Amino acid sequence: EVATKHPSISRATVYRNLARMAEAGDIANIGSVDGSAHYDNR
């Protein structure tokens, strides 16, 4: 989704920021449901 609007962003940047945001409590990592972590902004 991010890459459609900003194609120059790297996958690693998005993954790293997701981890940081979840650790900071800005978003929730609701865990691995189907082998992939899912994120929630609620």
PDB file of all heavy atoms in Angstrom:
ATOM      1  N   GLU A   1       0.836  -1.212   0.000  1.00  0.00           N
ATOM      2  CA  GLU A   1       0.000   0.000   0.000  1.00  0.00           C
ATOM      3  C   GLU A   1       0.869   1.259   0.000  1.00  0.00           C
ATOM      4  O   GLU A   1       0.618   2.199  -0.750  1.00  0.00           O
ATOM      5  CB  GLU A   1      -0.942  -0.018   1.201  1.00  0.00           C
ATOM      6  CG  GLU A   1      -1.838   1.192   1.318  1.00  0.00           C
ATOM      7  CD  GLU A   1      -2.901   1.281   0.232  1.00  0.00           C
ATOM      8  OE1 GLU A   1      -3.201   0.263  -0.435  1.00  0.00           O
ATOM      9  OE2 GLU A   1      -3.450   2.385   0.054  1.00  0.00           O
ATOM     10  N   VAL A   2       1.885   1.281   0.855  1.00  0.00           N
ATOM     11  CA  VAL A   2       2.784   2.448   0.918  1.00  0.00           C
ATOM     12  C   VAL A   2       3.526   2.608  -0.407  1.00  0.00           C
ATOM     13  O   VAL A   2       3.661   3.721  -0.924  1.00  0.00           O
ATOM     14  CB  VAL A   2       3.784   2.313   2.094  1.00  0.00           C
ATOM     15  CG1 VAL A   2       4.849   3.389   2.037  1.00  0.00           C
ATOM     16  CG2 VAL A   2       3.038   2.390   3.430  1.00  0.00           C
ATOM     17  N   ALA A   3       3.984   1.504  -0.981  1.00  0.00           N
ATOM     18  CA  ALA A   3       4.774   1.549  -2.215  1.00  0.00           C
ATOM     19  C   ALA A   3       3.974   2.059  -3.408  1.00  0.00           C
ATOM     20  O   ALA A   3       4.554   2.605  -4.349  1.00  0.00           O
ATOM     21  CB  ALA A   3       5.354   0.178  -2.515  1.00  0.00           C
ATOM     22  N   THR A   4       2.650   1.903  -3.383  1.00  0.00           N
ATOM     23  CA  THR A   4       1.845   2.429  -4.490  1.00  0.00           C
ATOM     24  C   THR A   4       1.916   3.950  -4.550  1.00  0.00           C
ATOM     25  O   THR A   4       1.849   4.529  -5.622  1.00  0.00           O
ATOM     26  CB  THR A   4       0.364   2.004  -4.392  1.00  0.00           C
ATOM     27  OG1 THR A   4      -0.193   2.523  -3.189  1.00  0.00           O
ATOM     28  CG2 THR A   4       0.201   0.507  -4.459  1.00  0.00           C
ATOM     29  N   LYS A   5       2.068   4.575  -3.402  1.00  0.00           N
ATOM     30  CA  LYS A   5       2.136   6.039  -3.344  1.00  0.00           C
ATOM     31  C   LYS A   5       3.570   6.551  -3.299  1.00  0.00           C
ATOM     32  O   LYS A   5       3.839   7.673  -3.712  1.00  0.00           O
ATOM     33  CB  LYS A   5       1.347   6.534  -2.136  1.00  0.00           C
ATOM     34  CG  LYS A   5      -0.129   6.204  -2.251  1.00  0.00           C
ATOM     35  CD  LYS A   5      -0.901   6.602  -1.018  1.00  0.00           C
ATOM     36  CE  LYS A   5      -2.358   6.275  -1.229  1.00  0.00           C
ATOM     37  NZ  LYS A   5      -2.911   5.391  -0.274  1.00  0.00           N
ATOM     38  N   HIS A   6       4.473   5.739  -2.760  1.00  0.00           N
ATOM     39  CA  HIS A   6       5.890   6.117  -2.623  1.00  0.00           C
ATOM     40  C   HIS A   6       6.760   4.932  -3.045  1.00  0.00           C
ATOM     41  O   HIS A   6       7.285   4.208  -2.188  1.00  0.00           O
ATOM     42  CB  HIS A   6       6.192   6.555  -1.184  1.00  0.00           C
ATOM     43  CG  HIS A   6       5.458   7.789  -0.801  1.00  0.00           C
ATOM     44  ND1 HIS A   6       5.933   9.040  -1.099  1.00  0.00           N
ATOM     45  CD2 HIS A   6       4.259   7.966  -0.197  1.00  0.00           C
ATOM     46  CE1 HIS A   6       5.052   9.943  -0.667  1.00  0.00           C
ATOM     47  NE2 HIS A   6       4.036   9.311  -0.129  1.00  0.00           N
ATOM     48  N   PRO A   7       6.918   4.740  -4.355  1.00  0.00           N
ATOM     49  CA  PRO A   7       7.620   3.551  -4.855  1.00  0.00           C
ATOM     50  C   PRO A   7       9.085   3.449  -4.422  1.00  0.00           C
ATOM     51  O   PRO A   7       9.657   2.364  -4.460  1.00  0.00           O
ATOM     52  CB  PRO A   7       7.530   3.685  -6.372  1.00  0.00           C
ATOM     53  CG  PRO A   7       6.659   4.835  -6.663  1.00  0.00           C
ATOM     54  CD  PRO A   7       6.388   5.571  -5.400  1.00  0.00           C
ATOM     55  N   SER A   8       9.673   4.540  -3.976  1.00  0.00           N
ATOM     56  CA  SER A   8      11.088   4.487  -3.594  1.00  0.00           C
ATOM     57  C   SER A   8      11.308   3.938  -2.182  1.00  0.00           C
ATOM     58  O   SER A   8      12.435   3.644  -1.806  1.00  0.00           O
ATOM     59  CB  SER A   8      11.724   5.876  -3.700  1.00  0.00           C
ATOM     60  OG  SER A   8      11.094   6.761  -2.792  1.00  0.00           O
ATOM     61  N   ILE A   9      10.239   3.769  -1.416  1.00  0.00           N
ATOM     62  CA  ILE A   9      10.408   3.269  -0.045  1.00  0.00           C
ATOM     63  C   ILE A   9      10.776   1.787  -0.098  1.00  0.00           C
ATOM     64  O   ILE A   9      10.264   1.033  -0.920  1.00  0.00           O
ATOM     65  CB  ILE A   9       9.145   3.504   0.811  1.00  0.00           C
ATOM     66  CG1 ILE A   9       9.471   3.351   2.292  1.00  0.00           C
ATOM     67  CG2 ILE A   9       8.006   2.604   0.387  1.00  0.00           C
ATOM     68  CD1 ILE A   9       8.432   3.939   3.215  1.00  0.00           C
ATOM     69  N   SER A  10      11.666   1.387   0.761  1.00  0.00           N
ATOM     70  CA  SER A  10      12.092  -0.020   0.767  1.00  0.00           C
ATOM     71  C   SER A  10      11.227  -0.852   1.701  1.00  0.00           C
ATOM     72  O   SER A  10      10.661  -0.345   2.679  1.00  0.00           O
ATOM     73  CB  SER A  10      13.558  -0.142   1.171  1.00  0.00           C
ATOM     74  OG  SER A  10      13.710   0.068   2.557  1.00  0.00           O
ATOM     75  N   ARG A  11      11.160  -2.121   1.409  1.00  0.00           N
ATOM     76  CA  ARG A  11      10.435  -3.081   2.252  1.00  0.00           C
ATOM     77  C   ARG A  11      11.033  -3.075   3.666  1.00  0.00           C
ATOM     78  O   ARG A  11      10.314  -3.084   4.657  1.00  0.00           O
ATOM     79  CB  ARG A  11      10.520  -4.471   1.620  1.00  0.00           C
ATOM     80  CG  ARG A  11       9.773  -5.541   2.357  1.00  0.00           C
ATOM     81  CD  ARG A  11       9.806  -6.869   1.606  1.00  0.00           C
ATOM     82  NE  ARG A  11       8.729  -6.918   0.623  1.00  0.00           N
ATOM     83  CZ  ARG A  11       8.889  -6.853  -0.693  1.00  0.00           C
ATOM     84  NH1 ARG A  11      10.081  -6.769  -1.220  1.00  0.00           N
ATOM     85  NH2 ARG A  11       7.850  -6.905  -1.502  1.00  0.00           N
ATOM     86  N   ALA A  12      12.371  -3.045   3.744  1.00  0.00           N
ATOM     87  CA  ALA A  12      13.051  -3.059   5.044  1.00  0.00           C
ATOM     88  C   ALA A  12      12.665  -1.845   5.882  1.00  0.00           C
ATOM     89  O   ALA A  12      12.493  -1.957   7.096  1.00  0.00           O
ATOM     90  CB  ALA A  12      14.558  -3.113   4.852  1.00  0.00           C
ATOM     91  N   THR A  13      12.517  -0.689   5.245  1.00  0.00           N
ATOM     92  CA  THR A  13      12.123   0.527   5.969  1.00  0.00           C
ATOM     93  C   THR A  13      10.739   0.361   6.573  1.00  0.00           C
ATOM     94  O   THR A  13      10.508   0.710   7.735  1.00  0.00           O
ATOM     95  CB  THR A  13      12.160   1.745   5.029  1.00  0.00           C
ATOM     96  OG1 THR A  13      13.507   1.952   4.607  1.00  0.00           O
ATOM     97  CG2 THR A  13      11.642   3.002   5.712  1.00  0.00           C
ATOM     98  N   VAL A  14       9.810  -0.180   5.810  1.00  0.00           N
ATOM     99  CA  VAL A  14       8.449  -0.376   6.310  1.00  0.00           C
ATOM    100  C   VAL A  14       8.451  -1.398   7.445  1.00  0.00           C
ATOM    101  O   VAL A  14       7.877  -1.150   8.511  1.00  0.00           O
ATOM    102  CB  VAL A  14       7.494  -0.805   5.176  1.00  0.00           C
ATOM    103  CG1 VAL A  14       6.133  -1.211   5.727  1.00  0.00           C
ATOM    104  CG2 VAL A  14       7.348   0.324   4.162  1.00  0.00           C
ATOM    105  N   TYR A  15       9.120  -2.524   7.267  1.00  0.00           N
ATOM    106  CA  TYR A  15       9.153  -3.558   8.297  1.00  0.00           C
ATOM    107  C   TYR A  15       9.813  -3.038   9.577  1.00  0.00           C
ATOM    108  O   TYR A  15       9.325  -3.291  10.676  1.00  0.00           O
ATOM    109  CB  TYR A  15       9.901  -4.791   7.790  1.00  0.00           C
ATOM    110  CG  TYR A  15       9.081  -5.698   6.902  1.00  0.00           C
ATOM    111  CD1 TYR A  15       8.448  -5.225   5.756  1.00  0.00           C
ATOM    112  CD2 TYR A  15       8.954  -7.036   7.192  1.00  0.00           C
ATOM    113  CE1 TYR A  15       7.715  -6.059   4.938  1.00  0.00           C
ATOM    114  CE2 TYR A  15       8.217  -7.884   6.374  1.00  0.00           C
ATOM    115  CZ  TYR A  15       7.592  -7.390   5.251  1.00  0.00           C
ATOM    116  OH  TYR A  15       6.857  -8.230   4.451  1.00  0.00           O
ATOM    117  N   ARG A  16      10.913  -2.319   9.433  1.00  0.00           N
ATOM    118  CA  ARG A  16      11.623  -1.778  10.605  1.00  0.00           C
ATOM    119  C   ARG A  16      10.737  -0.782  11.353  1.00  0.00           C
ATOM    120  O   ARG A  16      10.645  -0.809  12.580  1.00  0.00           O
ATOM    121  CB  ARG A  16      12.934  -1.115  10.158  1.00  0.00           C
ATOM    122  CG  ARG A  16      13.772  -0.565  11.293  1.00  0.00           C
ATOM    123  CD  ARG A  16      15.118  -0.007  10.817  1.00  0.00           C
ATOM    124  NE  ARG A  16      14.964   1.030   9.797  1.00  0.00           N
ATOM    125  CZ  ARG A  16      15.241   0.874   8.487  1.00  0.00           C
ATOM    126  NH1 ARG A  16      15.680  -0.273   8.024  1.00  0.00           N
ATOM    127  NH2 ARG A  16      15.064   1.871   7.656  1.00  0.00           N
ATOM    128  N   ASN A  17      10.053   0.085  10.611  1.00  0.00           N
ATOM    129  CA  ASN A  17       9.185   1.070  11.251  1.00  0.00           C
ATOM    130  C   ASN A  17       7.968   0.420  11.898  1.00  0.00           C
ATOM    131  O   ASN A  17       7.521   0.869  12.952  1.00  0.00           O
ATOM    132  CB  ASN A  17       8.779   2.152  10.247  1.00  0.00           C
ATOM    133  CG  ASN A  17       9.826   3.217  10.120  1.00  0.00           C
ATOM    134  OD1 ASN A  17       9.901   4.129  10.934  1.00  0.00           O
ATOM    135  ND2 ASN A  17      10.689   3.103   9.121  1.00  0.00           N
ATOM    136  N   LEU A  18       7.433  -0.623  11.290  1.00  0.00           N
ATOM    137  CA  LEU A  18       6.324  -1.336  11.925  1.00  0.00           C
ATOM    138  C   LEU A  18       6.756  -1.903  13.272  1.00  0.00           C
ATOM    139  O   LEU A  18       6.029  -1.789  14.263  1.00  0.00           O
ATOM    140  CB  LEU A  18       5.831  -2.470  11.018  1.00  0.00           C
ATOM    141  CG  LEU A  18       4.952  -2.061   9.846  1.00  0.00           C
ATOM    142  CD1 LEU A  18       4.782  -3.225   8.882  1.00  0.00           C
ATOM    143  CD2 LEU A  18       3.607  -1.548  10.330  1.00  0.00           C
ATOM    144  N   ALA A  19       7.934  -2.503  13.310  1.00  0.00           N
ATOM    145  CA  ALA A  19       8.435  -3.070  14.568  1.00  0.00           C
ATOM    146  C   ALA A  19       8.625  -1.981  15.621  1.00  0.00           C
ATOM    147  O   ALA A  19       8.245  -2.156  16.779  1.00  0.00           O
ATOM    148  CB  ALA A  19       9.750  -3.809  14.326  1.00  0.00           C
ATOM    149  N   ARG A  20       9.196  -0.859  15.224  1.00  0.00           N
ATOM    150  CA  ARG A  20       9.410   0.252  16.162  1.00  0.00           C
ATOM    151  C   ARG A  20       8.091   0.828  16.659  1.00  0.00           C
ATOM    152  O   ARG A  20       7.943   1.131  17.839  1.00  0.00           O
ATOM    153  CB  ARG A  20      10.232   1.356  15.501  1.00  0.00           C
ATOM    154  CG  ARG A  20      11.683   1.010  15.325  1.00  0.00           C
ATOM    155  CD  ARG A  20      12.422   2.132  14.647  1.00  0.00           C
ATOM    156  NE  ARG A  20      13.826   1.784  14.445  1.00  0.00           N
ATOM    157  CZ  ARG A  20      14.638   2.419  13.620  1.00  0.00           C
ATOM    158  NH1 ARG A  20      14.197   3.441  12.903  1.00  0.00           N
ATOM    159  NH2 ARG A  20      15.888   2.044  13.505  1.00  0.00           N
ATOM    160  N   MET A  21       7.139   0.994  15.744  1.00  0.00           N
ATOM    161  CA  MET A  21       5.846   1.564  16.123  1.00  0.00           C
ATOM    162  C   MET A  21       5.083   0.629  17.057  1.00  0.00           C
ATOM    163  O   MET A  21       4.436   1.086  18.001  1.00  0.00           O
ATOM    164  CB  MET A  21       5.031   1.872  14.863  1.00  0.00           C
ATOM    165  CG  MET A  21       5.634   3.005  14.036  1.00  0.00           C
ATOM    166  SD  MET A  21       4.897   3.145  12.398  1.00  0.00           S
ATOM    167  CE  MET A  21       3.244   3.726  12.831  1.00  0.00           C
ATOM    168  N   ALA A  22       5.181  -0.668  16.806  1.00  0.00           N
ATOM    169  CA  ALA A  22       4.518  -1.633  17.693  1.00  0.00           C
ATOM    170  C   ALA A  22       5.182  -1.629  19.065  1.00  0.00           C
ATOM    171  O   ALA A  22       4.502  -1.656  20.098  1.00  0.00           O
ATOM    172  CB  ALA A  22       4.547  -3.022  17.073  1.00  0.00           C
ATOM    173  N   GLU A  23       6.500  -1.572  19.100  1.00  0.00           N
ATOM    174  CA  GLU A  23       7.233  -1.531  20.370  1.00  0.00           C
ATOM    175  C   GLU A  23       6.894  -0.270  21.162  1.00  0.00           C
ATOM    176  O   GLU A  23       6.767  -0.311  22.386  1.00  0.00           O
ATOM    177  CB  GLU A  23       8.743  -1.602  20.114  1.00  0.00           C
ATOM    178  CG  GLU A  23       9.582  -1.480  21.355  1.00  0.00           C
ATOM    179  CD  GLU A  23       9.397  -2.616  22.345  1.00  0.00           C
ATOM    180  OE1 GLU A  23       9.057  -3.730  21.932  1.00  0.00           O
ATOM    181  OE2 GLU A  23       9.584  -2.383  23.557  1.00  0.00           O
ATOM    182  N   ALA A  24       6.710   0.841  20.453  1.00  0.00           N
ATOM    183  CA  ALA A  24       6.381   2.104  21.114  1.00  0.00           C
ATOM    184  C   ALA A  24       4.908   2.178  21.511  1.00  0.00           C
ATOM    185  O   ALA A  24       4.514   3.067  22.264  1.00  0.00           O
ATOM    186  CB  ALA A  24       6.729   3.284  20.195  1.00  0.00           C
ATOM    187  N   GLY A  25       4.082   1.255  21.003  1.00  0.00           N
ATOM    188  CA  GLY A  25       2.663   1.273  21.333  1.00  0.00           C
ATOM    189  C   GLY A  25       1.839   2.164  20.431  1.00  0.00           C
ATOM    190  O   GLY A  25       0.681   2.441  20.715  1.00  0.00           O
ATOM    191  N   ASP A  26       2.410   2.609  19.304  1.00  0.00           N
ATOM    192  CA  ASP A  26       1.673   3.455  18.364  1.00  0.00           C
ATOM    193  C   ASP A  26       0.687   2.643  17.535  1.00  0.00           C
ATOM    194  O   ASP A  26      -0.319   3.174  17.071  1.00  0.00           O
ATOM    195  CB  ASP A  26       2.642   4.162  17.413  1.00  0.00           C
ATOM    196  CG  ASP A  26       3.597   5.077  18.156  1.00  0.00           C
ATOM    197  OD1 ASP A  26       3.213   5.624  19.210  1.00  0.00           O
ATOM    198  OD2 ASP A  26       4.735   5.258  17.676  1.00  0.00           O
ATOM    199  N   ILE A  27       0.999   1.378  17.311  1.00  0.00           N
ATOM    200  CA  ILE A  27       0.123   0.430  16.649  1.00  0.00           C
ATOM    201  C   ILE A  27       0.236  -0.878  17.436  1.00  0.00           C
ATOM    202  O   ILE A  27       1.118  -1.007  18.277  1.00  0.00           O
ATOM    203  CB  ILE A  27       0.500   0.198  15.165  1.00  0.00           C
ATOM    204  CG1 ILE A  27       1.928  -0.345  15.040  1.00  0.00           C
ATOM    205  CG2 ILE A  27       0.301   1.465  14.347  1.00  0.00           C
ATOM    206  CD1 ILE A  27       2.325  -0.729  13.619  1.00  0.00           C
ATOM    207  N   ALA A  28      -0.639  -1.807  17.153  1.00  0.00           N
ATOM    208  CA  ALA A  28      -0.581  -3.099  17.854  1.00  0.00           C
ATOM    209  C   ALA A  28      -0.206  -4.193  16.871  1.00  0.00           C
ATOM    210  O   ALA A  28      -0.771  -4.282  15.779  1.00  0.00           O
ATOM    211  CB  ALA A  28      -1.932  -3.411  18.480  1.00  0.00           C
ATOM    212  N   ASN A  29       0.757  -5.000  17.259  1.00  0.00           N
ATOM    213  CA  ASN A  29       1.056  -6.231  16.533  1.00  0.00           C
ATOM    214  C   ASN A  29       0.169  -7.281  17.180  1.00  0.00           C
ATOM    215  O   ASN A  29       0.409  -7.681  18.317  1.00  0.00           O
ATOM    216  CB  ASN A  29       2.533  -6.596  16.663  1.00  0.00           C
ATOM    217  CG  ASN A  29       2.899  -7.880  15.964  1.00  0.00           C
ATOM    218  OD1 ASN A  29       2.049  -8.720  15.700  1.00  0.00           O
ATOM    219  ND2 ASN A  29       4.175  -8.045  15.683  1.00  0.00           N
ATOM    220  N   ILE A  30      -0.872  -7.701  16.477  1.00  0.00           N
ATOM    221  CA  ILE A  30      -1.832  -8.614  17.095  1.00  0.00           C
ATOM    222  C   ILE A  30      -1.410 -10.068  16.958  1.00  0.00           C
ATOM    223  O   ILE A  30      -2.136 -10.971  17.341  1.00  0.00           O
ATOM    224  CB  ILE A  30      -3.270  -8.402  16.579  1.00  0.00           C
ATOM    225  CG1 ILE A  30      -3.378  -8.618  15.078  1.00  0.00           C
ATOM    226  CG2 ILE A  30      -3.759  -7.024  16.969  1.00  0.00           C
ATOM    227  CD1 ILE A  30      -4.802  -8.589  14.576  1.00  0.00           C
ATOM    228  N   GLY A  31      -0.229 -10.275  16.442  1.00  0.00           N
ATOM    229  CA  GLY A  31       0.342 -11.605  16.425  1.00  0.00           C
ATOM    230  C   GLY A  31       0.205 -12.302  15.097  1.00  0.00           C
ATOM    231  O   GLY A  31      -0.402 -11.798  14.158  1.00  0.00           O
ATOM    232  N   SER A  32       0.764 -13.472  15.069  1.00  0.00           N
ATOM    233  CA  SER A  32       0.752 -14.296  13.868  1.00  0.00           C
ATOM    234  C   SER A  32      -0.492 -15.152  13.866  1.00  0.00           C
ATOM    235  O   SER A  32      -0.704 -15.961  14.755  1.00  0.00           O
ATOM    236  CB  SER A  32       1.999 -15.171  13.817  1.00  0.00           C
ATOM    237  OG  SER A  32       1.948 -16.008  12.693  1.00  0.00           O
ATOM    238  N   VAL A  33      -1.311 -14.925  12.885  1.00  0.00           N
ATOM    239  CA  VAL A  33      -2.552 -15.675  12.777  1.00  0.00           C
ATOM    240  C   VAL A  33      -2.409 -16.737  11.697  1.00  0.00           C
ATOM    241  O   VAL A  33      -2.781 -17.874  11.875  1.00  0.00           O
ATOM    242  CB  VAL A  33      -3.732 -14.731  12.455  1.00  0.00           C
ATOM    243  CG1 VAL A  33      -5.006 -15.499  12.214  1.00  0.00           C
ATOM    244  CG2 VAL A  33      -3.903 -13.714  13.571  1.00  0.00           C
ATOM    245  N   ASP A  34      -1.806 -16.395  10.590  1.00  0.00           N
ATOM    246  CA  ASP A  34      -1.675 -17.298   9.449  1.00  0.00           C
ATOM    247  C   ASP A  34      -0.212 -17.431   9.021  1.00  0.00           C
ATOM    248  O   ASP A  34       0.079 -17.692   7.879  1.00  0.00           O
ATOM    249  CB  ASP A  34      -2.508 -16.779   8.288  1.00  0.00           C
ATOM    250  CG  ASP A  34      -2.156 -15.336   7.929  1.00  0.00           C
ATOM    251  OD1 ASP A  34      -1.229 -14.768   8.549  1.00  0.00           O
ATOM    252  OD2 ASP A  34      -2.801 -14.768   7.026  1.00  0.00           O
ATOM    253  N   GLY A  35       0.684 -17.243   9.974  1.00  0.00           N
ATOM    254  CA  GLY A  35       2.113 -17.280   9.667  1.00  0.00           C
ATOM    255  C   GLY A  35       2.703 -15.909   9.443  1.00  0.00           C
ATOM    256  O   GLY A  35       3.917 -15.765   9.311  1.00  0.00           O
ATOM    257  N   SER A  36       1.868 -14.883   9.392  1.00  0.00           N
ATOM    258  CA  SER A  36       2.323 -13.506   9.212  1.00  0.00           C
ATOM    259  C   SER A  36       1.789 -12.648  10.356  1.00  0.00           C
ATOM    260  O   SER A  36       0.652 -12.834  10.788  1.00  0.00           O
ATOM    261  CB  SER A  36       1.794 -12.921   7.903  1.00  0.00           C
ATOM    262  OG  SER A  36       2.262 -13.650   6.799  1.00  0.00           O
ATOM    263  N   ALA A  37       2.614 -11.716  10.810  1.00  0.00           N
ATOM    264  CA  ALA A  37       2.152 -10.782  11.835  1.00  0.00           C
ATOM    265  C   ALA A  37       1.120  -9.845  11.223  1.00  0.00           C
ATOM    266  O   ALA A  37       1.252  -9.427  10.075  1.00  0.00           O
ATOM    267  CB  ALA A  37       3.324  -9.981  12.389  1.00  0.00           C
ATOM    268  N   HIS A  38       0.108  -9.534  11.989  1.00  0.00           N
ATOM    269  CA  HIS A  38      -0.935  -8.595  11.562  1.00  0.00           C
ATOM    270  C   HIS A  38      -0.900  -7.389  12.483  1.00  0.00           C
ATOM    271  O   HIS A  38      -0.644  -7.521  13.684  1.00  0.00           O
ATOM    272  CB  HIS A  38      -2.305  -9.268  11.620  1.00  0.00           C
ATOM    273  CG  HIS A  38      -2.484 -10.316  10.570  1.00  0.00           C
ATOM    274  ND1 HIS A  38      -3.187 -10.090   9.417  1.00  0.00           N
ATOM    275  CD2 HIS A  38      -2.028 -11.592  10.493  1.00  0.00           C
ATOM    276  CE1 HIS A  38      -3.164 -11.186   8.677  1.00  0.00           C
ATOM    277  NE2 HIS A  38      -2.471 -12.110   9.313  1.00  0.00           N
ATOM    278  N   TYR A  39      -1.183  -6.210  11.926  1.00  0.00           N
ATOM    279  CA  TYR A  39      -1.086  -4.967  12.668  1.00  0.00           C
ATOM    280  C   TYR A  39      -2.435  -4.285  12.725  1.00  0.00           C
ATOM    281  O   TYR A  39      -3.245  -4.379  11.802  1.00  0.00           O
ATOM    282  CB  TYR A  39      -0.049  -4.042  12.019  1.00  0.00           C
ATOM    283  CG  TYR A  39       1.343  -4.621  12.107  1.00  0.00           C
ATOM    284  CD1 TYR A  39       1.841  -5.444  11.115  1.00  0.00           C
ATOM    285  CD2 TYR A  39       2.141  -4.372  13.222  1.00  0.00           C
ATOM    286  CE1 TYR A  39       3.103  -6.006  11.211  1.00  0.00           C
ATOM    287  CE2 TYR A  39       3.400  -4.930  13.321  1.00  0.00           C
ATOM    288  CZ  TYR A  39       3.882  -5.741  12.318  1.00  0.00           C
ATOM    289  OH  TYR A  39       5.121  -6.300  12.421  1.00  0.00           O
ATOM    290  N   ASP A  40      -2.659  -3.580  13.827  1.00  0.00           N
ATOM    291  CA  ASP A  40      -3.930  -2.908  14.090  1.00  0.00           C
ATOM    292  C   ASP A  40      -3.635  -1.501  14.563  1.00  0.00           C
ATOM    293  O   ASP A  40      -2.817  -1.305  15.459  1.00  0.00           O
ATOM    294  CB  ASP A  40      -4.690  -3.685  15.170  1.00  0.00           C
ATOM    295  CG  ASP A  40      -6.149  -3.312  15.286  1.00  0.00           C
ATOM    296  OD1 ASP A  40      -6.574  -2.301  14.687  1.00  0.00           O
ATOM    297  OD2 ASP A  40      -6.875  -4.032  15.997  1.00  0.00           O
ATOM    298  N   ASN A  41      -4.293  -0.509  13.959  1.00  0.00           N
ATOM    299  CA  ASN A  41      -4.124   0.870  14.422  1.00  0.00           C
ATOM    300  C   ASN A  41      -5.231   1.286  15.384  1.00  0.00           C
ATOM    301  O   ASN A  41      -5.236   2.389  15.881  1.00  0.00           O
ATOM    302  CB  ASN A  41      -4.036   1.842  13.240  1.00  0.00           C
ATOM    303  CG  ASN A  41      -5.278   1.860  12.381  1.00  0.00           C
ATOM    304  OD1 ASN A  41      -6.124   0.976  12.475  1.00  0.00           O
ATOM    305  ND2 ASN A  41      -5.404   2.856  11.533  1.00  0.00           N
ATOM    306  N   ARG A  42      -6.129   0.373  15.676  1.00  0.00           N
ATOM    307  CA  ARG A  42      -7.170   0.628  16.678  1.00  0.00           C
ATOM    308  C   ARG A  42      -6.629   0.137  18.018  1.00  0.00           C
ATOM    309  O   ARG A  42      -6.503  -1.064  18.230  1.00  0.00           O
ATOM    310  CB  ARG A  42      -8.444  -0.111  16.297  1.00  0.00           C
ATOM    311  CG  ARG A  42      -9.035   0.391  14.995  1.00  0.00           C
ATOM    312  CD  ARG A  42     -10.170  -0.536  14.539  1.00  0.00           C
ATOM    313  NE  ARG A  42     -10.541  -0.239  13.181  1.00  0.00           N
ATOM    314  CZ  ARG A  42     -10.064  -0.877  12.113  1.00  0.00           C
ATOM    315  NH1 ARG A  42      -9.196  -1.857  12.256  1.00  0.00           N
ATOM    316  NH2 ARG A  42     -10.449  -0.550  10.901  1.00  0.00           N
TER     317      ARG A  42
END
